């Protein structure tokens, strides 16, 4: 079984958290989405694109890493299939 490499686009990484909405749930969801996207980019960059290493670092399953990446808009590199 081969491991998959992912190359994040760090250029779209925004350093600021999203603004709060009046509604608690909307604010929470926005902040969580912002955190997940930043964390996913950092995690993949830290693991140099190695998903198995990223999962070990985060203490989660590889499938959870893939789900996090998909929700964050990070796609697999074309040559990683």
Protein backbone atom coordinates (compact mmCIF):
# COMPACT_ATOMS: atom_id res chain seq x y z
CA UNK A 1 0.00 0.00 0.00
CA UNK A 2 1.42 3.37 -0.97
CA UNK A 3 0.96 6.55 0.97
CA UNK A 4 -0.60 9.65 -0.54
CA UNK A 5 1.09 13.02 -0.72
CA UNK A 6 -0.94 16.22 -0.51
CA UNK A 7 0.44 19.66 -1.31
CA UNK A 8 -1.53 22.42 0.41
CA UNK A 9 -2.02 25.83 -1.13
CA UNK A 10 -0.67 28.00 1.66
CA UNK A 11 -1.25 31.20 -0.33
CA UNK A 12 -4.95 31.26 0.64
CA UNK A 13 -4.22 30.83 4.34
CA UNK A 14 -5.72 33.82 6.15
CA UNK A 15 -4.16 34.75 9.49
CA UNK A 16 -7.28 36.34 10.97
CA UNK A 17 -10.28 34.56 12.44
CA UNK A 18 -13.63 35.23 10.80
CA UNK A 19 -15.84 37.95 12.29
CA UNK A 20 -18.49 36.89 14.77
CA UNK A 21 -22.13 36.70 13.78
CA UNK A 22 -24.87 37.58 16.25
CA UNK A 23 -26.02 33.98 16.30
CA UNK A 24 -23.88 31.76 18.56
CA UNK A 25 -24.09 28.70 16.28
CA UNK A 26 -23.14 30.65 13.17
CA UNK A 27 -20.17 32.19 14.97
CA UNK A 28 -19.04 28.84 16.35
CA UNK A 29 -19.36 27.13 12.97
CA UNK A 30 -17.39 29.91 11.28
CA UNK A 31 -14.57 29.80 13.82
CA UNK A 32 -14.40 25.99 13.70
CA UNK A 33 -14.26 26.00 9.90
CA UNK A 34 -11.51 28.64 10.02
CA UNK A 35 -9.55 26.63 12.58
CA UNK A 36 -9.92 23.36 10.66
CA UNK A 37 -8.75 24.94 7.42
CA UNK A 38 -5.68 26.53 9.06
CA UNK A 39 -4.89 23.39 11.03
CA UNK A 40 -5.24 21.17 7.97
CA UNK A 41 -2.85 23.37 5.98
CA UNK A 42 -0.35 23.45 8.84
CA UNK A 43 -0.66 19.71 9.45
CA UNK A 44 -0.02 18.75 5.83
CA UNK A 45 2.84 21.22 5.52
CA UNK A 46 4.36 19.96 8.79
CA UNK A 47 4.15 16.36 7.53
CA UNK A 48 5.56 17.42 4.13
CA UNK A 49 2.41 16.13 2.44
CA UNK A 50 2.58 12.65 3.99
CA UNK A 51 -0.96 11.82 5.14
CA UNK A 52 0.07 8.92 7.38
CA UNK A 53 2.58 11.17 9.16
CA UNK A 54 -0.04 13.92 9.41
CA UNK A 55 -2.49 11.49 11.01
CA UNK A 56 0.14 10.33 13.51
CA UNK A 57 0.99 13.94 14.39
CA UNK A 58 -2.67 14.86 14.90
CA UNK A 59 -3.50 11.64 16.74
CA UNK A 60 -6.33 10.83 14.33
CA UNK A 61 -7.04 8.24 11.63
CA UNK A 62 -5.96 8.87 8.03
CA UNK A 63 -9.61 8.84 6.94
CA UNK A 64 -10.25 11.70 9.37
CA UNK A 65 -7.33 13.63 7.87
CA UNK A 66 -8.78 13.14 4.38
CA UNK A 67 -12.20 14.32 5.59
CA UNK A 68 -10.60 17.39 7.20
CA UNK A 69 -8.72 18.15 3.98
CA UNK A 70 -11.85 17.77 1.85
CA UNK A 71 -13.84 20.09 4.14
CA UNK A 72 -10.97 22.58 4.00
CA UNK A 73 -10.82 22.54 0.19
CA UNK A 74 -7.40 20.88 0.00
CA UNK A 75 -7.18 18.40 -2.85
CA UNK A 76 -4.78 15.58 -3.58
CA UNK A 77 -1.90 16.33 -5.91
CA UNK A 78 -2.46 15.05 -9.45
CA UNK A 79 0.46 12.61 -9.29
CA UNK A 80 -0.45 11.12 -5.90
CA UNK A 81 -3.03 8.56 -7.07
